[in-house]
Amino acid sequence: MALYVKDSEVDAMASRLAEIRKISKTEALRQALRRELAEQENAPSRIDEARTFIRALNAGRDKSKTPPLTKDFIDSLYE
C-alpha cells in the first residue's frame, strides 16, 4: 500500500533525515515511526503520572500538622 505525503514540510523533513542518515525516505520514515511508537508505548500512563505526583506531594508534607479525619470534619464539608 502506498503512502503519499502531501505536506511539503513533512516531505522536506523526511528528505533531510534520509540525507543525514544516508538512507531512503521510506527507511527514514520507518525508523522515525518505530522510535515514536516505542516511546509512546513505553511512556507512563496518566494514572501512573498522577500516582507519582501524589506520592511526591505526600512525601513533602508534614503529617503532624494535618488534623485527624473525624466524622465531625467530614460532616462539616457537607454543610
N, C-alpha and C. Protein backbone atom coordinates (compact mmCIF):
# COMPACT_ATOMS: atom_id res chain seq x y z
N MET A 1 0.85 -1.17 0.00
CA MET A 1 0.00 0.00 0.00
C MET A 1 0.90 1.24 0.00
N ALA A 2 0.56 2.19 -0.79
CA ALA A 2 1.38 3.39 -0.94
C ALA A 2 0.98 4.44 0.10
N LEU A 3 1.96 5.24 0.46
CA LEU A 3 1.74 6.37 1.35
C LEU A 3 2.17 7.62 0.59
N TYR A 4 1.24 8.50 0.36
CA TYR A 4 1.55 9.73 -0.36
C TYR A 4 1.62 10.86 0.64
N VAL A 5 2.77 11.53 0.68
CA VAL A 5 2.96 12.65 1.59
C VAL A 5 2.59 13.91 0.83
N LYS A 6 1.53 14.56 1.26
CA LYS A 6 1.03 15.74 0.57
C LYS A 6 1.53 17.03 1.20
N ASP A 7 2.13 16.92 2.36
CA ASP A 7 2.62 18.09 3.09
C ASP A 7 4.09 18.33 2.73
N SER A 8 4.39 19.48 2.18
CA SER A 8 5.76 19.77 1.72
C SER A 8 6.75 19.83 2.89
N GLU A 9 6.30 20.26 4.06
CA GLU A 9 7.19 20.32 5.23
C GLU A 9 7.57 18.90 5.68
N VAL A 10 6.60 18.00 5.71
CA VAL A 10 6.87 16.62 6.09
C VAL A 10 7.80 15.97 5.07
N ASP A 11 7.55 16.22 3.80
CA ASP A 11 8.41 15.69 2.75
C ASP A 11 9.84 16.19 2.90
N ALA A 12 9.99 17.47 3.22
CA ALA A 12 11.32 18.06 3.40
C ALA A 12 12.03 17.46 4.61
N MET A 13 11.29 17.23 5.70
CA MET A 13 11.89 16.63 6.89
C MET A 13 12.33 15.20 6.61
N ALA A 14 11.50 14.46 5.90
CA ALA A 14 11.85 13.08 5.55
C ALA A 14 13.09 13.07 4.65
N SER A 15 13.14 13.98 3.70
CA SER A 15 14.30 14.07 2.81
C SER A 15 15.56 14.41 3.58
N ARG A 16 15.45 15.35 4.49
CA ARG A 16 16.61 15.77 5.29
C ARG A 16 17.11 14.63 6.17
N LEU A 17 16.21 13.93 6.83
CA LEU A 17 16.60 12.81 7.68
C LEU A 17 17.24 11.71 6.85
N ALA A 18 16.67 11.43 5.70
CA ALA A 18 17.23 10.41 4.81
C ALA A 18 18.63 10.82 4.35
N GLU A 19 18.80 12.08 4.06
CA GLU A 19 20.11 12.58 3.62
C GLU A 19 21.14 12.46 4.73
N ILE A 20 20.78 12.86 5.92
CA ILE A 20 21.70 12.80 7.06
C ILE A 20 22.12 11.36 7.35
N ARG A 21 21.16 10.44 7.32
CA ARG A 21 21.45 9.05 7.66
C ARG A 21 21.90 8.21 6.47
N LYS A 22 21.86 8.81 5.28
CA LYS A 22 22.26 8.09 4.05
C LYS A 22 21.37 6.87 3.82
N ILE A 23 20.07 7.09 3.96
CA ILE A 23 19.08 6.04 3.74
C ILE A 23 17.96 6.60 2.87
N SER A 24 17.04 5.74 2.47
CA SER A 24 15.90 6.20 1.67
C SER A 24 14.90 6.95 2.56
N LYS A 25 14.02 7.71 1.92
CA LYS A 25 12.97 8.40 2.68
C LYS A 25 12.04 7.39 3.35
N THR A 26 11.78 6.30 2.68
CA THR A 26 10.93 5.26 3.27
C THR A 26 11.54 4.72 4.55
N GLU A 27 12.84 4.42 4.50
CA GLU A 27 13.52 3.90 5.68
C GLU A 27 13.60 4.97 6.78
N ALA A 28 13.80 6.21 6.41
CA ALA A 28 13.84 7.30 7.40
C ALA A 28 12.50 7.41 8.11
N LEU A 29 11.40 7.35 7.37
CA LEU A 29 10.08 7.40 7.99
C LEU A 29 9.82 6.16 8.84
N ARG A 30 10.23 4.98 8.37
CA ARG A 30 10.06 3.75 9.14
C ARG A 30 10.76 3.87 10.49
N GLN A 31 12.01 4.31 10.47
CA GLN A 31 12.78 4.43 11.72
C GLN A 31 12.16 5.46 12.66
N ALA A 32 11.75 6.59 12.08
CA ALA A 32 11.16 7.64 12.92
C ALA A 32 9.85 7.17 13.54
N LEU A 33 9.03 6.49 12.77
CA LEU A 33 7.76 5.99 13.29
C LEU A 33 7.97 4.89 14.32
N ARG A 34 8.92 4.00 14.09
CA ARG A 34 9.22 2.96 15.09
C ARG A 34 9.68 3.58 16.41
N ARG A 35 10.55 4.58 16.32
CA ARG A 35 11.06 5.24 17.52
C ARG A 35 9.93 5.93 18.27
N GLU A 36 9.06 6.61 17.55
CA GLU A 36 7.94 7.32 18.19
C GLU A 36 6.96 6.33 18.81
N LEU A 37 6.66 5.24 18.11
CA LEU A 37 5.76 4.23 18.67
C LEU A 37 6.34 3.60 19.93
N ALA A 38 7.62 3.27 19.91
CA ALA A 38 8.27 2.68 21.08
C ALA A 38 8.22 3.65 22.26
N GLU A 39 8.45 4.92 21.98
CA GLU A 39 8.42 5.93 23.05
C GLU A 39 7.02 6.04 23.63
N GLN A 40 6.01 6.06 22.79
CA GLN A 40 4.63 6.20 23.26
C GLN A 40 4.17 4.95 24.01
N GLU A 41 4.57 3.78 23.54
CA GLU A 41 4.16 2.55 24.19
C GLU A 41 4.84 2.36 25.54
N ASN A 42 6.02 2.92 25.72
CA ASN A 42 6.76 2.79 26.97
C ASN A 42 6.53 3.96 27.92
N ALA A 43 5.79 4.95 27.47
CA ALA A 43 5.53 6.12 28.31
C ALA A 43 4.59 5.74 29.44
N PRO A 44 4.77 6.34 30.62
CA PRO A 44 3.86 6.04 31.73
C PRO A 44 2.46 6.58 31.42
N SER A 45 1.45 5.88 31.91
CA SER A 45 0.08 6.31 31.69
C SER A 45 -0.20 7.55 32.56
N ARG A 46 -1.29 8.21 32.26
CA ARG A 46 -1.70 9.37 33.06
C ARG A 46 -1.93 8.96 34.52
N ILE A 47 -2.43 7.77 34.72
CA ILE A 47 -2.67 7.28 36.08
C ILE A 47 -1.35 7.11 36.82
N ASP A 48 -0.35 6.54 36.15
CA ASP A 48 0.96 6.38 36.77
C ASP A 48 1.58 7.74 37.10
N GLU A 49 1.43 8.70 36.19
CA GLU A 49 1.96 10.04 36.44
C GLU A 49 1.26 10.69 37.63
N ALA A 50 -0.06 10.50 37.73
CA ALA A 50 -0.81 11.07 38.85
C ALA A 50 -0.39 10.43 40.17
N ARG A 51 -0.21 9.12 40.16
CA ARG A 51 0.24 8.44 41.38
C ARG A 51 1.60 8.94 41.83
N THR A 52 2.51 9.11 40.89
CA THR A 52 3.84 9.62 41.21
C THR A 52 3.75 11.02 41.79
N PHE A 53 2.91 11.86 41.19
CA PHE A 53 2.72 13.23 41.67
C PHE A 53 2.16 13.24 43.09
N ILE A 54 1.15 12.42 43.35
CA ILE A 54 0.53 12.38 44.68
C ILE A 54 1.52 11.87 45.72
N ARG A 55 2.30 10.86 45.36
CA ARG A 55 3.32 10.35 46.29
C ARG A 55 4.34 11.43 46.63
N ALA A 56 4.73 12.22 45.63
CA ALA A 56 5.69 13.30 45.88
C ALA A 56 5.07 14.37 46.78
N LEU A 57 3.80 14.68 46.57
CA LEU A 57 3.12 15.64 47.45
C LEU A 57 3.05 15.12 48.88
N ASN A 58 2.68 13.87 49.03
CA ASN A 58 2.56 13.27 50.36
C ASN A 58 3.91 13.18 51.05
N ALA A 59 4.96 12.93 50.32
CA ALA A 59 6.30 12.82 50.92
C ALA A 59 6.79 14.16 51.45
N GLY A 60 6.31 15.24 50.84
CA GLY A 60 6.78 16.55 51.23
C GLY A 60 5.96 17.25 52.29
N ARG A 61 4.85 16.67 52.70
CA ARG A 61 4.00 17.37 53.68
C ARG A 61 4.33 16.92 55.10
N ASP A 62 4.06 17.79 56.04
CA ASP A 62 4.29 17.50 57.45
C ASP A 62 3.02 16.88 58.02
N LYS A 63 3.04 15.59 58.24
CA LYS A 63 1.84 14.87 58.68
C LYS A 63 1.42 15.25 60.09
N SER A 64 2.34 15.79 60.90
CA SER A 64 1.98 16.19 62.26
C SER A 64 1.08 17.42 62.26
N LYS A 65 1.08 18.19 61.17
CA LYS A 65 0.24 19.38 61.08
C LYS A 65 -1.12 19.09 60.47
N THR A 66 -1.34 17.87 60.03
CA THR A 66 -2.60 17.50 59.41
C THR A 66 -3.58 17.09 60.50
N PRO A 67 -4.75 17.74 60.55
CA PRO A 67 -5.72 17.35 61.58
C PRO A 67 -6.27 15.97 61.29
N PRO A 68 -6.68 15.27 62.33
CA PRO A 68 -7.24 13.93 62.12
C PRO A 68 -8.55 14.02 61.34
N LEU A 69 -8.82 13.00 60.59
CA LEU A 69 -10.04 12.94 59.79
C LEU A 69 -11.13 12.34 60.67
N THR A 70 -12.04 13.20 61.12
CA THR A 70 -13.10 12.76 62.03
C THR A 70 -14.45 12.88 61.36
N LYS A 71 -15.44 12.27 61.97
CA LYS A 71 -16.79 12.36 61.44
C LYS A 71 -17.28 13.80 61.43
N ASP A 72 -16.96 14.56 62.48
CA ASP A 72 -17.37 15.96 62.54
C ASP A 72 -16.77 16.76 61.39
N PHE A 73 -15.52 16.51 61.08
CA PHE A 73 -14.87 17.21 59.97
C PHE A 73 -15.55 16.86 58.65
N ILE A 74 -15.81 15.58 58.42
CA ILE A 74 -16.45 15.14 57.18
C ILE A 74 -17.84 15.75 57.07
N ASP A 75 -18.59 15.74 58.16
CA ASP A 75 -19.92 16.33 58.16
C ASP A 75 -19.87 17.83 57.86
N SER A 76 -18.83 18.51 58.32
CA SER A 76 -18.71 19.94 58.08
C SER A 76 -18.50 20.26 56.59
N LEU A 77 -17.99 19.30 55.86
CA LEU A 77 -17.78 19.52 54.41
C LEU A 77 -19.10 19.60 53.66
N TYR A 78 -20.13 19.01 54.19
CA TYR A 78 -21.41 18.94 53.50
C TYR A 78 -22.41 19.97 54.02
N GLU A 79 -22.01 20.82 54.94
CA GLU A 79 -22.94 21.83 55.47
C GLU A 79 -22.90 23.08 54.66
